[in-house]
């Protein structure tokens, strides 16, 4: 009786071996097994991501009284995307924010070469009000814009772009206190907190600073590759 019970399982085992074929020899990888599929990103995407890692963007701040939160949130958004940030002001050393934050200044505005950067970002704050018509800042904004590079400003700083002639016929936004300047210089004022028109990016202030930074990343590498971090 016990033998009869074993006949069924044994026959089934023999049948499985006959169907599957002989087991592979030790040390050999069975060639009939499917290999794991590892998707590869398109070459174009790899090139764009490499560009992002090699990008350096210049932040321009007032020597004192720059908007700490605008600076910090925007810079963090760029650095999360592996974009290098350098800082310019009236002179090298340190700049102080309105809330006490300090920023290490890498280069004086007068010494900036646009060829060294993929974009420029003007940070607002009460201290920047004194530089809205500063010749060095206006020249810097115009140089980057004319070169087709990212030219961005937040808070009161979009007034620098307007005074440099960068915003004529361009969609833009600014802090409430300086909307008149943008209108007078021919900008197309928008109600949004962050506005992108080509490579020109503007924002209203600290509450929009993170989104502003993400918009800069998008302008550097293209919307389809600029995923939120």
Protein backbone atom coordinates (compact mmCIF):
# COMPACT_ATOMS: atom_id res chain seq x y z
CA UNK A 1 0.00 0.00 0.00
CA UNK A 2 2.84 2.40 0.85
CA UNK A 3 4.49 1.75 -2.57
CA UNK A 4 1.25 2.54 -4.35
CA UNK A 5 1.06 5.86 -2.53
CA UNK A 6 4.58 6.75 -3.67
CA UNK A 7 4.00 5.94 -7.35
CA UNK A 8 1.97 9.11 -8.05
CA UNK A 9 4.49 11.66 -6.66
CA UNK A 10 7.43 9.86 -8.29
CA UNK A 11 5.78 9.82 -11.72
CA UNK A 12 4.94 13.50 -11.33
CA UNK A 13 8.56 14.32 -10.49
CA UNK A 14 9.85 12.40 -13.51
CA UNK A 15 7.35 14.20 -15.74
CA UNK A 16 8.52 17.62 -14.49
CA UNK A 17 12.17 16.72 -15.21
CA UNK A 18 11.34 15.52 -18.72
CA UNK A 19 9.44 18.71 -19.51
CA UNK A 20 11.97 21.12 -17.99
CA UNK A 21 15.06 19.38 -19.36
CA UNK A 22 18.23 18.47 -17.57
CA UNK A 23 19.38 20.75 -14.75
CA UNK A 24 22.35 23.01 -15.58
CA UNK A 25 25.83 21.86 -14.68
CA UNK A 26 27.36 23.42 -11.57
CA UNK A 27 28.88 26.80 -12.30
CA UNK A 28 26.89 27.41 -15.49
CA UNK A 29 24.21 30.07 -15.74
CA UNK A 30 21.13 28.73 -17.52
CA UNK A 31 20.83 30.69 -20.76
CA UNK A 32 17.11 30.07 -21.08
CA UNK A 33 16.28 32.12 -17.99
CA UNK A 34 15.18 35.74 -18.62
CA UNK A 35 17.78 38.34 -17.67
CA UNK A 36 16.72 41.23 -15.39
CA UNK A 37 15.74 44.36 -17.34
CA UNK A 38 17.41 47.58 -16.27
CA UNK A 39 15.97 50.60 -18.10
CA UNK A 40 18.49 53.20 -19.24
CA UNK A 41 17.63 56.89 -19.51
CA UNK A 42 17.83 58.44 -22.97
CA UNK A 43 21.22 59.91 -23.90
CA UNK A 44 19.64 63.37 -24.17
CA UNK A 45 18.47 63.19 -20.54
CA UNK A 46 21.92 62.14 -19.38
CA UNK A 47 23.48 65.09 -21.18
CA UNK A 48 20.99 67.52 -19.62
CA UNK A 49 21.53 66.13 -16.13
CA UNK A 50 25.30 66.49 -16.60
CA UNK A 51 24.73 70.11 -17.59
CA UNK A 52 22.77 70.65 -14.38
CA UNK A 53 25.61 69.26 -12.25
CA UNK A 54 28.08 71.56 -14.00
CA UNK A 55 25.92 74.68 -13.66
CA UNK A 56 26.98 77.63 -11.52
CA UNK A 57 24.53 80.43 -10.74
CA UNK A 58 25.44 83.81 -9.28
CA UNK A 59 23.35 85.30 -6.44
CA UNK A 60 23.61 89.08 -6.08
CA UNK A 61 22.86 90.49 -2.62
CA UNK A 62 23.07 93.87 -0.92
CA UNK A 63 26.04 94.18 1.48
CA UNK A 64 23.56 94.56 4.33
CA UNK A 65 19.82 94.13 4.66
CA UNK A 66 19.29 91.46 2.02
CA UNK A 67 16.19 89.27 2.39
CA UNK A 68 17.41 86.23 4.34
CA UNK A 69 14.46 83.97 3.55
CA UNK A 70 14.47 84.79 -0.15
CA UNK A 71 18.17 83.99 -0.26
CA UNK A 72 18.05 80.84 1.84
CA UNK A 73 14.99 79.20 0.24
CA UNK A 74 16.05 79.94 -3.31
CA UNK A 75 19.63 78.79 -2.71
CA UNK A 76 18.47 75.58 -1.03
CA UNK A 77 16.24 74.74 -4.01
CA UNK A 78 19.19 75.12 -6.38
CA UNK A 79 21.66 73.21 -4.25
CA UNK A 80 19.20 70.32 -3.85
CA UNK A 81 19.37 70.06 -7.63
CA UNK A 82 23.20 70.05 -7.46
CA UNK A 83 23.53 73.55 -8.91
CA UNK A 84 26.54 75.42 -7.53
CA UNK A 85 25.81 78.87 -6.11
CA UNK A 86 28.28 81.74 -5.78
CA UNK A 87 27.52 85.13 -4.24
CA UNK A 88 28.32 88.65 -5.44
CA UNK A 89 27.92 91.98 -3.68
CA UNK A 90 29.59 95.37 -3.69
CA UNK A 91 32.81 93.80 -2.40
CA UNK A 92 34.21 90.45 -1.26
CA UNK A 93 33.87 89.40 2.36
CA UNK A 94 30.50 88.88 4.01
CA UNK A 95 27.03 90.32 3.50
CA UNK A 96 24.43 90.52 6.27
CA UNK A 97 20.75 89.75 5.96
CA UNK A 98 17.93 91.74 7.52
CA UNK A 99 17.36 88.90 10.03
CA UNK A 100 21.04 88.52 10.86
CA UNK A 101 21.99 85.79 8.40
CA UNK A 102 25.35 86.27 6.74
CA UNK A 103 26.50 85.18 3.33
CA UNK A 104 30.06 84.69 2.13
CA UNK A 105 30.67 86.95 -0.88
CA UNK A 106 32.80 85.25 -3.53
CA UNK A 107 33.17 88.12 -5.99
CA UNK A 108 32.51 91.84 -6.29
CA UNK A 109 29.79 92.79 -8.77
CA UNK A 110 32.26 94.91 -10.75
CA UNK A 111 34.51 91.87 -11.25
CA UNK A 112 31.86 89.41 -12.45
CA UNK A 113 32.35 87.73 -15.81
CA UNK A 114 29.05 86.43 -17.18
CA UNK A 115 30.93 83.71 -19.05
CA UNK A 116 31.60 81.98 -15.71
CA UNK A 117 27.91 81.47 -14.89
CA UNK A 118 24.77 79.98 -16.37
CA UNK A 119 22.52 82.50 -14.64
CA UNK A 120 22.21 85.43 -12.25
CA UNK A 121 19.74 85.86 -9.39
CA UNK A 122 19.10 89.22 -7.71
CA UNK A 123 17.87 88.85 -4.12
CA UNK A 124 15.59 91.51 -2.65
CA UNK A 125 15.30 93.01 0.82
CA UNK A 126 15.35 96.56 2.23
CA UNK A 127 19.09 96.79 1.62
CA UNK A 128 18.63 96.15 -2.09
CA UNK A 129 16.41 99.23 -2.50
CA UNK A 130 19.56 101.36 -2.59
CA UNK A 131 20.84 99.36 -5.59
CA UNK A 132 17.78 99.31 -7.85
CA UNK A 133 19.41 101.86 -10.15
CA UNK A 134 23.03 100.92 -9.44
CA UNK A 135 24.96 100.97 -12.72
CA UNK A 136 26.95 97.83 -11.96
CA UNK A 137 23.79 95.85 -11.17
CA UNK A 138 21.96 97.16 -14.24
CA UNK A 139 24.90 96.30 -16.49
CA UNK A 140 25.11 92.82 -14.98
CA UNK A 141 21.40 92.12 -15.54
CA UNK A 142 21.57 93.37 -19.14
CA UNK A 143 24.68 91.31 -19.91
CA UNK A 144 23.12 88.04 -18.71
CA UNK A 145 19.82 88.71 -20.46
CA UNK A 146 21.49 89.65 -23.75
CA UNK A 147 23.53 86.43 -23.57
CA UNK A 148 20.33 84.38 -23.29
CA UNK A 149 21.22 83.17 -19.80
CA UNK A 150 18.86 82.76 -16.85
CA UNK A 151 18.17 86.22 -15.44
CA UNK A 152 16.11 86.16 -12.25
CA UNK A 153 15.05 88.45 -9.43
CA UNK A 154 12.81 88.25 -6.37
CA UNK A 155 11.09 90.67 -3.98
CA UNK A 156 11.99 94.26 -4.87
CA UNK A 157 14.87 93.14 -7.11
CA UNK A 158 12.82 92.69 -10.32
CA UNK A 159 12.95 96.51 -10.40
CA UNK A 160 16.66 96.10 -11.25
CA UNK A 161 15.71 94.06 -14.31
CA UNK A 162 13.10 96.66 -15.24
CA UNK A 163 15.55 99.56 -14.90
CA UNK A 164 18.07 97.62 -17.01
CA UNK A 165 15.52 97.35 -19.84
CA UNK A 166 15.27 93.58 -19.47
CA UNK A 167 11.52 93.49 -18.74
CA UNK A 168 10.18 95.59 -21.61
CA UNK A 169 7.39 93.50 -23.16
CA UNK A 170 8.20 90.62 -20.78
CA UNK A 171 5.77 88.93 -18.37
CA UNK A 172 6.92 89.55 -14.80
CA UNK A 173 5.98 90.12 -11.18
CA UNK A 174 7.49 92.01 -8.23
CA UNK A 175 6.82 93.00 -4.62
CA UNK A 176 3.74 95.20 -4.33
CA UNK A 177 5.79 98.31 -3.51
CA UNK A 178 7.55 98.29 -6.90
CA UNK A 179 4.83 97.39 -9.35
CA UNK A 180 4.82 100.99 -10.57
CA UNK A 181 8.44 100.70 -11.66
CA UNK A 182 7.71 97.60 -13.74
CA UNK A 183 4.68 99.22 -15.39
CA UNK A 184 6.69 102.34 -16.22
CA UNK A 185 9.40 100.21 -17.85
CA UNK A 186 7.00 98.27 -20.05
CA UNK A 187 6.75 94.96 -18.19
CA UNK A 188 3.59 92.84 -18.54
CA UNK A 189 2.63 92.53 -14.88
CA UNK A 190 1.15 89.19 -13.83
CA UNK A 191 -0.84 88.22 -10.74
CA UNK A 192 1.20 85.05 -10.06
CA UNK A 193 3.82 84.85 -7.29
CA UNK A 194 6.41 83.39 -9.68
CA UNK A 195 6.52 84.23 -13.38
CA UNK A 196 8.76 82.69 -16.03
CA UNK A 197 9.04 84.27 -19.47
CA UNK A 198 11.75 82.46 -21.41
CA UNK A 199 14.92 82.72 -19.33
CA UNK A 200 13.61 85.67 -17.29
CA UNK A 201 12.19 84.64 -13.89
CA UNK A 202 10.66 86.95 -11.29
CA UNK A 203 8.95 86.40 -7.93
CA UNK A 204 7.13 88.47 -5.32
CA UNK A 205 9.01 87.54 -2.15
CA UNK A 206 9.96 85.03 0.54
CA UNK A 207 6.71 83.04 0.43
CA UNK A 208 7.43 82.20 -3.21
CA UNK A 209 11.19 81.74 -2.85
CA UNK A 210 11.24 77.93 -2.95
CA UNK A 211 9.04 77.86 -6.06
CA UNK A 212 11.25 80.60 -7.50
CA UNK A 213 14.33 78.43 -7.00
CA UNK A 214 12.62 75.46 -8.66
CA UNK A 215 11.69 77.67 -11.61
CA UNK A 216 15.35 78.60 -12.01
CA UNK A 217 16.33 74.92 -12.07
CA UNK A 218 13.62 74.30 -14.68
CA UNK A 219 14.99 77.11 -16.83
CA UNK A 220 18.49 75.65 -16.58
CA UNK A 221 17.63 72.12 -17.71
CA UNK A 222 14.09 72.17 -19.09
CA UNK A 223 10.72 71.57 -17.42
CA UNK A 224 10.59 67.84 -18.14
CA UNK A 225 13.78 67.16 -16.17
CA UNK A 226 13.23 69.54 -13.27
CA UNK A 227 11.36 67.22 -10.90
CA UNK A 228 10.47 68.57 -7.42
CA UNK A 229 12.98 67.44 -4.80
